[in-house]
Amino acid sequence: MGAEPVRGFVAVLTIDLHFPDATSLKAKRKELAPVKAYLQGRAGAAVAEVGHHDRWQRATLLAALAEGSAPRAEAVADGVQRWLDARFPQGVSVRRTLASLQDLQD
């Protein structure tokens, strides 16, 4: 009798943000901090700033959400999308990729 296969899914979100009122990198960081805190704390995501490090009004984040099922990963990603859309009604773009553990191992 073999071991039951481990099932898992990762939703990877590429998040492009625009901060039209930021006039310095310090101002951008101040606006970015609560976004990163939400993603890490409330959504349980691993987060990295991956683009536009030296631009005052732009940031690109990569967030990874790990869940035990595809529907749960999609639901958490949907919640993150709704939160971002509400917080940045004219300044956010989110691209999403969903992969299973098996996809990642092949």
PDB file of N, CA and C in Angstrom:
ATOM      1  N   MET A   1       0.846  -1.177   0.000  1.00  0.00           N
ATOM      2  CA  MET A   1       0.000   0.000   0.000  1.00  0.00           C
ATOM      3  C   MET A   1       0.893   1.242   0.000  1.00  0.00           C
ATOM      4  N   GLY A   2       0.759   2.087  -1.023  1.00  0.00           N
ATOM      5  CA  GLY A   2       1.601   3.273  -1.164  1.00  0.00           C
ATOM      6  C   GLY A   2       1.064   4.464  -0.393  1.00  0.00           C
ATOM      7  N   ALA A   3       1.909   5.405  -0.219  1.00  0.00           N
ATOM      8  CA  ALA A   3       1.510   6.634   0.475  1.00  0.00           C
ATOM      9  C   ALA A   3       0.594   7.473  -0.421  1.00  0.00           C
ATOM     10  N   GLU A   4      -0.335   8.159   0.208  1.00  0.00           N
ATOM     11  CA  GLU A   4      -1.240   9.046  -0.535  1.00  0.00           C
ATOM     12  C   GLU A   4      -0.441  10.209  -1.113  1.00  0.00           C
ATOM     13  N   PRO A   5      -0.688  10.569  -2.377  1.00  0.00           N
ATOM     14  CA  PRO A   5       0.071  11.678  -2.966  1.00  0.00           C
ATOM     15  C   PRO A   5      -0.253  13.000  -2.267  1.00  0.00           C
ATOM     16  N   VAL A   6       0.751  13.819  -2.142  1.00  0.00           N
ATOM     17  CA  VAL A   6       0.584  15.141  -1.542  1.00  0.00           C
ATOM     18  C   VAL A   6      -0.014  16.059  -2.588  1.00  0.00           C
ATOM     19  N   ARG A   7      -1.078  16.768  -2.211  1.00  0.00           N
ATOM     20  CA  ARG A   7      -1.732  17.695  -3.139  1.00  0.00           C
ATOM     21  C   ARG A   7      -1.505  19.114  -2.632  1.00  0.00           C
ATOM     22  N   GLY A   8      -1.209  19.982  -3.542  1.00  0.00           N
ATOM     23  CA  GLY A   8      -1.034  21.384  -3.198  1.00  0.00           C
ATOM     24  C   GLY A   8      -1.094  22.247  -4.436  1.00  0.00           C
ATOM     25  N   PHE A   9      -1.431  23.511  -4.231  1.00  0.00           N
ATOM     26  CA  PHE A   9      -1.550  24.460  -5.330  1.00  0.00           C
ATOM     27  C   PHE A   9      -0.942  25.786  -4.923  1.00  0.00           C
ATOM     28  N   VAL A  10      -0.368  26.470  -5.889  1.00  0.00           N
ATOM     29  CA  VAL A  10       0.206  27.788  -5.661  1.00  0.00           C
ATOM     30  C   VAL A  10      -0.413  28.760  -6.659  1.00  0.00           C
ATOM     31  N   ALA A  11      -0.964  29.838  -6.134  1.00  0.00           N
ATOM     32  CA  ALA A  11      -1.418  30.938  -6.980  1.00  0.00           C
ATOM     33  C   ALA A  11      -0.338  32.009  -6.901  1.00  0.00           C
ATOM     34  N   VAL A  12       0.210  32.364  -8.043  1.00  0.00           N
ATOM     35  CA  VAL A  12       1.245  33.398  -8.104  1.00  0.00           C
ATOM     36  C   VAL A  12       0.626  34.638  -8.731  1.00  0.00           C
ATOM     37  N   LEU A  13       0.676  35.749  -8.001  1.00  0.00           N
ATOM     38  CA  LEU A  13       0.101  37.003  -8.459  1.00  0.00           C
ATOM     39  C   LEU A  13       1.212  37.987  -8.773  1.00  0.00           C
ATOM     40  N   THR A  14       1.203  38.539  -9.960  1.00  0.00           N
ATOM     41  CA  THR A  14       2.100  39.632 -10.320  1.00  0.00           C
ATOM     42  C   THR A  14       1.256  40.896 -10.231  1.00  0.00           C
ATOM     43  N   ILE A  15       1.626  41.776  -9.317  1.00  0.00           N
ATOM     44  CA  ILE A  15       0.814  42.946  -8.984  1.00  0.00           C
ATOM     45  C   ILE A  15       1.565  44.205  -9.374  1.00  0.00           C
ATOM     46  N   ASP A  16       1.008  44.943 -10.337  1.00  0.00           N
ATOM     47  CA  ASP A  16       1.581  46.225 -10.756  1.00  0.00           C
ATOM     48  C   ASP A  16       0.770  47.340 -10.115  1.00  0.00           C
ATOM     49  N   LEU A  17       1.443  48.182  -9.341  1.00  0.00           N
ATOM     50  CA  LEU A  17       0.787  49.268  -8.615  1.00  0.00           C
ATOM     51  C   LEU A  17       1.245  50.619  -9.129  1.00  0.00           C
ATOM     52  N   HIS A  18       0.339  51.584  -9.063  1.00  0.00           N
ATOM     53  CA  HIS A  18       0.641  52.964  -9.429  1.00  0.00           C
ATOM     54  C   HIS A  18       0.263  53.860  -8.255  1.00  0.00           C
ATOM     55  N   PHE A  19       1.186  54.706  -7.846  1.00  0.00           N
ATOM     56  CA  PHE A  19       0.989  55.651  -6.746  1.00  0.00           C
ATOM     57  C   PHE A  19       1.106  57.064  -7.305  1.00  0.00           C
ATOM     58  N   PRO A  20       0.020  57.637  -7.846  1.00  0.00           N
ATOM     59  CA  PRO A  20       0.114  58.920  -8.534  1.00  0.00           C
ATOM     60  C   PRO A  20       0.523  60.087  -7.642  1.00  0.00           C
ATOM     61  N   ASP A  21       0.281  59.985  -6.341  1.00  0.00           N
ATOM     62  CA  ASP A  21       0.601  61.091  -5.438  1.00  0.00           C
ATOM     63  C   ASP A  21       1.990  60.999  -4.820  1.00  0.00           C
ATOM     64  N   ALA A  22       2.693  59.911  -5.063  1.00  0.00           N
ATOM     65  CA  ALA A  22       4.031  59.748  -4.479  1.00  0.00           C
ATOM     66  C   ALA A  22       5.015  60.691  -5.166  1.00  0.00           C
ATOM     67  N   THR A  23       5.753  61.444  -4.366  1.00  0.00           N
ATOM     68  CA  THR A  23       6.728  62.397  -4.896  1.00  0.00           C
ATOM     69  C   THR A  23       8.161  62.024  -4.542  1.00  0.00           C
ATOM     70  N   SER A  24       8.321  60.839  -3.915  1.00  0.00           N
ATOM     71  CA  SER A  24       9.654  60.371  -3.553  1.00  0.00           C
ATOM     72  C   SER A  24       9.587  58.867  -3.310  1.00  0.00           C
ATOM     73  N   LEU A  25      10.752  58.248  -3.241  1.00  0.00           N
ATOM     74  CA  LEU A  25      10.785  56.825  -2.915  1.00  0.00           C
ATOM     75  C   LEU A  25      10.259  56.580  -1.508  1.00  0.00           C
ATOM     76  N   LYS A  26      10.520  57.520  -0.602  1.00  0.00           N
ATOM     77  CA  LYS A  26      10.024  57.398   0.770  1.00  0.00           C
ATOM     78  C   LYS A  26       8.494  57.403   0.785  1.00  0.00           C
ATOM     79  N   ALA A  27       7.872  58.257  -0.002  1.00  0.00           N
ATOM     80  CA  ALA A  27       6.407  58.309  -0.088  1.00  0.00           C
ATOM     81  C   ALA A  27       5.861  57.010  -0.680  1.00  0.00           C
ATOM     82  N   LYS A  28       6.535  56.483  -1.693  1.00  0.00           N
ATOM     83  CA  LYS A  28       6.112  55.219  -2.291  1.00  0.00           C
ATOM     84  C   LYS A  28       6.188  54.100  -1.262  1.00  0.00           C
ATOM     85  N   ARG A  29       7.268  54.024  -0.526  1.00  0.00           N
ATOM     86  CA  ARG A  29       7.432  52.973   0.493  1.00  0.00           C
ATOM     87  C   ARG A  29       6.334  53.059   1.559  1.00  0.00           C
ATOM     88  N   LYS A  30       5.947  54.289   1.893  1.00  0.00           N
ATOM     89  CA  LYS A  30       4.891  54.485   2.894  1.00  0.00           C
ATOM     90  C   LYS A  30       3.566  53.930   2.385  1.00  0.00           C
ATOM     91  N   GLU A  31       3.279  54.076   1.100  1.00  0.00           N
ATOM     92  CA  GLU A  31       2.047  53.546   0.523  1.00  0.00           C
ATOM     93  C   GLU A  31       2.134  52.044   0.274  1.00  0.00           C
ATOM     94  N   LEU A  32       3.330  51.550   0.027  1.00  0.00           N
ATOM     95  CA  LEU A  32       3.535  50.138  -0.275  1.00  0.00           C
ATOM     96  C   LEU A  32       3.513  49.268   0.984  1.00  0.00           C
ATOM     97  N   ALA A  33       3.940  49.809   2.109  1.00  0.00           N
ATOM     98  CA  ALA A  33       4.040  49.027   3.348  1.00  0.00           C
ATOM     99  C   ALA A  33       2.727  48.357   3.753  1.00  0.00           C
ATOM    100  N   PRO A  34       1.584  49.067   3.763  1.00  0.00           N
ATOM    101  CA  PRO A  34       0.350  48.374   4.159  1.00  0.00           C
ATOM    102  C   PRO A  34      -0.104  47.311   3.162  1.00  0.00           C
ATOM    103  N   VAL A  35       0.260  47.470   1.906  1.00  0.00           N
ATOM    104  CA  VAL A  35      -0.081  46.456   0.901  1.00  0.00           C
ATOM    105  C   VAL A  35       0.696  45.173   1.198  1.00  0.00           C
ATOM    106  N   LYS A  36       1.983  45.315   1.432  1.00  0.00           N
ATOM    107  CA  LYS A  36       2.804  44.146   1.749  1.00  0.00           C
ATOM    108  C   LYS A  36       2.356  43.504   3.058  1.00  0.00           C
ATOM    109  N   ALA A  37       2.001  44.322   4.049  1.00  0.00           N
ATOM    110  CA  ALA A  37       1.542  43.803   5.341  1.00  0.00           C
ATOM    111  C   ALA A  37       0.248  43.013   5.169  1.00  0.00           C
ATOM    112  N   TYR A  38      -0.683  43.525   4.360  1.00  0.00           N
ATOM    113  CA  TYR A  38      -1.931  42.804   4.112  1.00  0.00           C
ATOM    114  C   TYR A  38      -1.649  41.468   3.436  1.00  0.00           C
ATOM    115  N   LEU A  39      -0.849  41.499   2.382  1.00  0.00           N
ATOM    116  CA  LEU A  39      -0.562  40.276   1.636  1.00  0.00           C
ATOM    117  C   LEU A  39       0.090  39.224   2.520  1.00  0.00           C
ATOM    118  N   GLN A  40       1.028  39.648   3.357  1.00  0.00           N
ATOM    119  CA  GLN A  40       1.720  38.702   4.222  1.00  0.00           C
ATOM    120  C   GLN A  40       0.860  38.262   5.396  1.00  0.00           C
ATOM    121  N   GLY A  41       0.228  39.223   6.058  1.00  0.00           N
ATOM    122  CA  GLY A  41      -0.498  38.918   7.288  1.00  0.00           C
ATOM    123  C   GLY A  41      -1.866  38.320   7.059  1.00  0.00           C
ATOM    124  N   ARG A  42      -2.719  39.024   6.336  1.00  0.00           N
ATOM    125  CA  ARG A  42      -4.107  38.586   6.154  1.00  0.00           C
ATOM    126  C   ARG A  42      -4.239  37.497   5.103  1.00  0.00           C
ATOM    127  N   ALA A  43      -3.493  37.596   4.008  1.00  0.00           N
ATOM    128  CA  ALA A  43      -3.623  36.622   2.922  1.00  0.00           C
ATOM    129  C   ALA A  43      -2.645  35.460   3.079  1.00  0.00           C
ATOM    130  N   GLY A  44      -1.632  35.606   3.926  1.00  0.00           N
ATOM    131  CA  GLY A  44      -0.658  34.543   4.133  1.00  0.00           C
ATOM    132  C   GLY A  44       0.280  34.321   2.964  1.00  0.00           C
ATOM    133  N   ALA A  45       0.530  35.360   2.195  1.00  0.00           N
ATOM    134  CA  ALA A  45       1.360  35.245   1.000  1.00  0.00           C
ATOM    135  C   ALA A  45       2.834  35.502   1.308  1.00  0.00           C
ATOM    136  N   ALA A  46       3.680  34.878   0.524  1.00  0.00           N
ATOM    137  CA  ALA A  46       5.084  35.268   0.466  1.00  0.00           C
ATOM    138  C   ALA A  46       5.145  36.391  -0.560  1.00  0.00           C
ATOM    139  N   VAL A  47       5.816  37.490  -0.222  1.00  0.00           N
ATOM    140  CA  VAL A  47       5.787  38.689  -1.067  1.00  0.00           C
ATOM    141  C   VAL A  47       7.203  39.184  -1.332  1.00  0.00           C
ATOM    142  N   ALA A  48       7.435  39.605  -2.572  1.00  0.00           N
ATOM    143  CA  ALA A  48       8.706  40.231  -2.937  1.00  0.00           C
ATOM    144  C   ALA A  48       8.423  41.385  -3.887  1.00  0.00           C
ATOM    145  N   GLU A  49       9.130  42.487  -3.691  1.00  0.00           N
ATOM    146  CA  GLU A  49       9.078  43.587  -4.644  1.00  0.00           C
ATOM    147  C   GLU A  49      10.059  43.238  -5.755  1.00  0.00           C
ATOM    148  N   VAL A  50       9.548  43.103  -6.974  1.00  0.00           N
ATOM    149  CA  VAL A  50      10.382  42.590  -8.066  1.00  0.00           C
ATOM    150  C   VAL A  50      10.601  43.569  -9.204  1.00  0.00           C
ATOM    151  N   GLY A  51      10.010  44.752  -9.122  1.00  0.00           N
ATOM    152  CA  GLY A  51      10.205  45.699 -10.212  1.00  0.00           C
ATOM    153  C   GLY A  51       9.963  47.126  -9.811  1.00  0.00           C
ATOM    154  N   HIS A  52      10.532  48.040 -10.585  1.00  0.00           N
ATOM    155  CA  HIS A  52      10.370  49.483 -10.396  1.00  0.00           C
ATOM    156  C   HIS A  52      10.927  49.965  -9.051  1.00  0.00           C
ATOM    157  N   HIS A  53      12.024  49.392  -8.623  1.00  0.00           N
ATOM    158  CA  HIS A  53      12.617  49.758  -7.336  1.00  0.00           C
ATOM    159  C   HIS A  53      12.979  51.237  -7.256  1.00  0.00           C
ATOM    160  N   ASP A  54      13.383  51.815  -8.367  1.00  0.00           N
ATOM    161  CA  ASP A  54      13.869  53.195  -8.354  1.00  0.00           C
ATOM    162  C   ASP A  54      12.854  54.188  -8.910  1.00  0.00           C
ATOM    163  N   ARG A  55      11.609  53.762  -9.116  1.00  0.00           N
ATOM    164  CA  ARG A  55      10.557  54.652  -9.632  1.00  0.00           C
ATOM    165  C   ARG A  55       9.661  55.084  -8.478  1.00  0.00           C
ATOM    166  N   TRP A  56       9.373  56.350  -8.399  1.00  0.00           N
ATOM    167  CA  TRP A  56       8.579  56.900  -7.308  1.00  0.00           C
ATOM    168  C   TRP A  56       7.133  56.451  -7.327  1.00  0.00           C
ATOM    169  N   GLN A  57       6.567  56.331  -8.507  1.00  0.00           N
ATOM    170  CA  GLN A  57       5.126  56.116  -8.598  1.00  0.00           C
ATOM    171  C   GLN A  57       4.722  54.713  -9.043  1.00  0.00           C
ATOM    172  N   ARG A  58       5.661  53.815  -9.141  1.00  0.00           N
ATOM    173  CA  ARG A  58       5.358  52.457  -9.601  1.00  0.00           C
ATOM    174  C   ARG A  58       6.011  51.421  -8.693  1.00  0.00           C
ATOM    175  N   ALA A  59       5.349  50.250  -8.624  1.00  0.00           N
ATOM    176  CA  ALA A  59       5.927  49.099  -7.931  1.00  0.00           C
ATOM    177  C   ALA A  59       5.342  47.842  -8.556  1.00  0.00           C
ATOM    178  N   THR A  60       6.145  46.799  -8.613  1.00  0.00           N
ATOM    179  CA  THR A  60       5.663  45.490  -9.023  1.00  0.00           C
ATOM    180  C   THR A  60       5.995  44.512  -7.917  1.00  0.00           C
ATOM    181  N   LEU A  61       4.947  43.820  -7.444  1.00  0.00           N
ATOM    182  CA  LEU A  61       5.100  42.817  -6.396  1.00  0.00           C
ATOM    183  C   LEU A  61       4.802  41.446  -6.971  1.00  0.00           C
ATOM    184  N   LEU A  62       5.440  40.435  -6.402  1.00  0.00           N
ATOM    185  CA  LEU A  62       5.128  39.052  -6.700  1.00  0.00           C
ATOM    186  C   LEU A  62       4.642  38.442  -5.394  1.00  0.00           C
ATOM    187  N   ALA A  63       3.452  37.836  -5.400  1.00  0.00           N
ATOM    188  CA  ALA A  63       2.892  37.223  -4.206  1.00  0.00           C
ATOM    189  C   ALA A  63       2.559  35.771  -4.509  1.00  0.00           C
ATOM    190  N   ALA A  64       2.940  34.877  -3.615  1.00  0.00           N
ATOM    191  CA  ALA A  64       2.661  33.456  -3.785  1.00  0.00           C
ATOM    192  C   ALA A  64       1.767  32.987  -2.646  1.00  0.00           C
ATOM    193  N   LEU A  65       0.644  32.366  -3.032  1.00  0.00           N
ATOM    194  CA  LEU A  65      -0.340  31.859  -2.080  1.00  0.00           C
ATOM    195  C   LEU A  65      -0.385  30.345  -2.208  1.00  0.00           C
ATOM    196  N   ALA A  66      -0.068  29.619  -1.151  1.00  0.00           N
ATOM    197  CA  ALA A  66      -0.087  28.158  -1.177  1.00  0.00           C
ATOM    198  C   ALA A  66      -1.334  27.646  -0.463  1.00  0.00           C
ATOM    199  N   GLU A  67      -2.055  26.729  -1.129  1.00  0.00           N
ATOM    200  CA  GLU A  67      -3.284  26.163  -0.571  1.00  0.00           C
ATOM    201  C   GLU A  67      -3.361  24.678  -0.909  1.00  0.00           C
ATOM    202  N   GLY A  68      -4.257  23.972  -0.253  1.00  0.00           N
ATOM    203  CA  GLY A  68      -4.411  22.535  -0.455  1.00  0.00           C
ATOM    204  C   GLY A  68      -5.290  22.157  -1.626  1.00  0.00           C
ATOM    205  N   SER A  69      -6.044  23.107  -2.174  1.00  0.00           N
ATOM    206  CA  SER A  69      -6.896  22.805  -3.314  1.00  0.00           C
ATOM    207  C   SER A  69      -6.904  23.993  -4.278  1.00  0.00           C
ATOM    208  N   ALA A  70      -7.186  23.690  -5.538  1.00  0.00           N
ATOM    209  CA  ALA A  70      -7.246  24.757  -6.542  1.00  0.00           C
ATOM    210  C   ALA A  70      -8.372  25.744  -6.250  1.00  0.00           C
ATOM    211  N   PRO A  71      -9.582  25.271  -5.877  1.00  0.00           N
ATOM    212  CA  PRO A  71     -10.640  26.237  -5.576  1.00  0.00           C
ATOM    213  C   PRO A  71     -10.292  27.161  -4.402  1.00  0.00           C
ATOM    214  N   ARG A  72      -9.619  26.622  -3.409  1.00  0.00           N
ATOM    215  CA  ARG A  72      -9.229  27.460  -2.264  1.00  0.00           C
ATOM    216  C   ARG A  72      -8.170  28.473  -2.685  1.00  0.00           C
ATOM    217  N   ALA A  73      -7.202  28.078  -3.489  1.00  0.00           N
ATOM    218  CA  ALA A  73      -6.172  29.012  -3.963  1.00  0.00           C
ATOM    219  C   ALA A  73      -6.815  30.112  -4.799  1.00  0.00           C
ATOM    220  N   GLU A  74      -7.772  29.740  -5.652  1.00  0.00           N
ATOM    221  CA  GLU A  74      -8.477  30.740  -6.469  1.00  0.00           C
ATOM    222  C   GLU A  74      -9.289  31.685  -5.591  1.00  0.00           C
ATOM    223  N   ALA A  75      -9.948  31.152  -4.552  1.00  0.00           N
ATOM    224  CA  ALA A  75     -10.764  31.985  -3.666  1.00  0.00           C
ATOM    225  C   ALA A  75      -9.909  32.992  -2.912  1.00  0.00           C
ATOM    226  N   VAL A  76      -8.755  32.564  -2.416  1.00  0.00           N
ATOM    227  CA  VAL A  76      -7.864  33.490  -1.713  1.00  0.00           C
ATOM    228  C   VAL A  76      -7.334  34.545  -2.676  1.00  0.00           C
ATOM    229  N   ALA A  77      -6.950  34.124  -3.887  1.00  0.00           N
ATOM    230  CA  ALA A  77      -6.472  35.078  -4.896  1.00  0.00           C
ATOM    231  C   ALA A  77      -7.578  36.065  -5.277  1.00  0.00           C
ATOM    232  N   ASP A  78      -8.821  35.580  -5.372  1.00  0.00           N
ATOM    233  CA  ASP A  78      -9.955  36.472  -5.654  1.00  0.00           C
ATOM    234  C   ASP A  78     -10.106  37.526  -4.558  1.00  0.00           C
ATOM    235  N   GLY A  79      -9.961  37.107  -3.303  1.00  0.00           N
ATOM    236  CA  GLY A  79     -10.052  38.043  -2.181  1.00  0.00           C
ATOM    237  C   GLY A  79      -8.966  39.100  -2.228  1.00  0.00           C
ATOM    238  N   VAL A  80      -7.761  38.691  -2.563  1.00  0.00           N
ATOM    239  CA  VAL A  80      -6.650  39.640  -2.701  1.00  0.00           C
ATOM    240  C   VAL A  80      -6.964  40.626  -3.831  1.00  0.00           C
ATOM    241  N   GLN A  81      -7.451  40.111  -4.957  1.00  0.00           N
ATOM    242  CA  GLN A  81      -7.792  40.970  -6.098  1.00  0.00           C
ATOM    243  C   GLN A  81      -8.848  42.000  -5.705  1.00  0.00           C
ATOM    244  N   ARG A  82      -9.900  41.559  -4.992  1.00  0.00           N
ATOM    245  CA  ARG A  82     -10.952  42.496  -4.566  1.00  0.00           C
ATOM    246  C   ARG A  82     -10.401  43.564  -3.642  1.00  0.00           C
ATOM    247  N   TRP A  83      -9.536  43.178  -2.712  1.00  0.00           N
ATOM    248  CA  TRP A  83      -8.946  44.137  -1.775  1.00  0.00           C
ATOM    249  C   TRP A  83      -8.094  45.162  -2.518  1.00  0.00           C
ATOM    250  N   LEU A  84      -7.275  44.692  -3.451  1.00  0.00           N
ATOM    251  CA  LEU A  84      -6.428  45.596  -4.227  1.00  0.00           C
ATOM    252  C   LEU A  84      -7.261  46.531  -5.100  1.00  0.00           C
ATOM    253  N   ASP A  85      -8.299  45.990  -5.741  1.00  0.00           N
ATOM    254  CA  ASP A  85      -9.167  46.823  -6.582  1.00  0.00           C
ATOM    255  C   ASP A  85      -9.847  47.918  -5.767  1.00  0.00           C
ATOM    256  N   ALA A  86     -10.264  47.600  -4.552  1.00  0.00           N
ATOM    257  CA  ALA A  86     -10.916  48.594  -3.685  1.00  0.00           C
ATOM    258  C   ALA A  86      -9.920  49.647  -3.209  1.00  0.00           C
ATOM    259  N   ARG A  87      -8.715  49.219  -2.920  1.00  0.00           N
ATOM    260  CA  ARG A  87      -7.699  50.148  -2.394  1.00  0.00           C
ATOM    261  C   ARG A  87      -7.106  51.023  -3.495  1.00  0.00           C
ATOM    262  N   PHE A  88      -6.983  50.478  -4.698  1.00  0.00           N
ATOM    263  CA  PHE A  88      -6.381  51.188  -5.832  1.00  0.00           C
ATOM    264  C   PHE A  88      -7.316  51.110  -7.034  1.00  0.00           C
ATOM    265  N   PRO A  89      -8.452  51.808  -6.996  1.00  0.00           N
ATOM    266  CA  PRO A  89      -9.448  51.657  -8.061  1.00  0.00           C
ATOM    267  C   PRO A  89      -8.942  52.003  -9.463  1.00  0.00           C
ATOM    268  N   GLN A  90      -7.917  52.844  -9.589  1.00  0.00           N
ATOM    269  CA  GLN A  90      -7.415  53.198 -10.915  1.00  0.00           C
ATOM    270  C   GLN A  90      -5.927  52.919 -11.065  1.00  0.00           C
ATOM    271  N   GLY A  91      -5.349  52.197 -10.122  1.00  0.00           N
ATOM    272  CA  GLY A  91      -3.905  52.050 -10.195  1.00  0.00           C
ATOM    273  C   GLY A  91      -3.367  50.679  -9.869  1.00  0.00           C
ATOM    274  N   VAL A  92      -4.091  49.594 -10.247  1.00  0.00           N
ATOM    275  CA  VAL A  92      -3.571  48.254  -9.994  1.00  0.00           C
ATOM    276  C   VAL A  92      -3.899  47.337 -11.172  1.00  0.00           C
ATOM    277  N   SER A  93      -2.949  46.465 -11.465  1.00  0.00           N
ATOM    278  CA  SER A  93      -3.140  45.425 -12.457  1.00  0.00           C
ATOM    279  C   SER A  93      -2.619  44.132 -11.836  1.00  0.00           C
ATOM    280  N   VAL A  94      -3.411  43.059 -11.924  1.00  0.00           N
ATOM    281  CA  VAL A  94      -3.011  41.787 -11.332  1.00  0.00           C
ATOM    282  C   VAL A  94      -3.072  40.702 -12.400  1.00  0.00           C
ATOM    283  N   ARG A  95      -1.955  39.991 -12.544  1.00  0.00           N
ATOM    284  CA  ARG A  95      -1.902  38.819 -13.414  1.00  0.00           C
ATOM    285  C   ARG A  95      -1.739  37.594 -12.509  1.00  0.00           C
ATOM    286  N   ARG A  96      -2.430  36.520 -12.845  1.00  0.00           N
ATOM    287  CA  ARG A  96      -2.489  35.360 -11.962  1.00  0.00           C
ATOM    288  C   ARG A  96      -2.080  34.091 -12.696  1.00  0.00           C
ATOM    289  N   THR A  97      -1.299  33.250 -12.016  1.00  0.00           N
ATOM    290  CA  THR A  97      -0.939  31.933 -12.513  1.00  0.00           C
ATOM    291  C   THR A  97      -1.231  30.931 -11.409  1.00  0.00           C
ATOM    292  N   LEU A  98      -1.885  29.826 -11.748  1.00  0.00           N
ATOM    293  CA  LEU A  98      -2.170  28.774 -10.785  1.00  0.00           C
ATOM    294  C   LEU A  98      -1.439  27.523 -11.218  1.00  0.00           C
ATOM    295  N   ALA A  99      -0.711  26.910 -10.290  1.00  0.00           N
ATOM    296  CA  ALA A  99       0.031  25.691 -10.601  1.00  0.00           C
ATOM    297  C   ALA A  99      -0.160  24.694  -9.475  1.00  0.00           C
ATOM    298  N   SER A 100      -0.250  23.430  -9.857  1.00  0.00           N
ATOM    299  CA  SER A 100      -0.320  22.359  -8.855  1.00  0.00           C
ATOM    300  C   SER A 100       1.095  21.948  -8.470  1.00  0.00           C
ATOM    301  N   LEU A 101       1.199  21.262  -7.363  1.00  0.00           N
ATOM    302  CA  LEU A 101       2.498  20.737  -6.948  1.00  0.00           C
ATOM    303  C   LEU A 101       3.029  19.786  -8.014  1.00  0.00           C
ATOM    304  N   GLN A 102       2.149  19.013  -8.616  1.00  0.00           N
ATOM    305  CA  GLN A 102       2.558  18.108  -9.676  1.00  0.00           C
ATOM    306  C   GLN A 102       3.099  18.894 -10.876  1.00  0.00           C
ATOM    307  N   ASP A 103       2.435  20.011 -11.244  1.00  0.00           N
ATOM    308  CA  ASP A 103       2.929  20.855 -12.337  1.00  0.00           C
ATOM    309  C   ASP A 103       4.362  21.311 -12.068  1.00  0.00           C
ATOM    310  N   LEU A 104       4.615  21.671 -10.842  1.00  0.00           N
ATOM    311  CA  LEU A 104       5.928  22.198 -10.481  1.00  0.00           C
ATOM    312  C   LEU A 104       7.005  21.135 -10.429  1.00  0.00           C
ATOM    313  N   GLN A 105       6.597  19.887 -10.201  1.00  0.00           N
ATOM    314  CA  GLN A 105       7.556  18.796 -10.119  1.00  0.00           C
ATOM    315  C   GLN A 105       7.868  18.166 -11.465  1.00  0.00           C
ATOM    316  N   ASP A 106       7.004  18.370 -12.430  1.00  0.00           N
ATOM    317  CA  ASP A 106       7.214  17.762 -13.765  1.00  0.00           C
ATOM    318  C   ASP A 106       8.266  18.506 -14.560  1.00  0.00           C
TER     319      ASP A 106
END
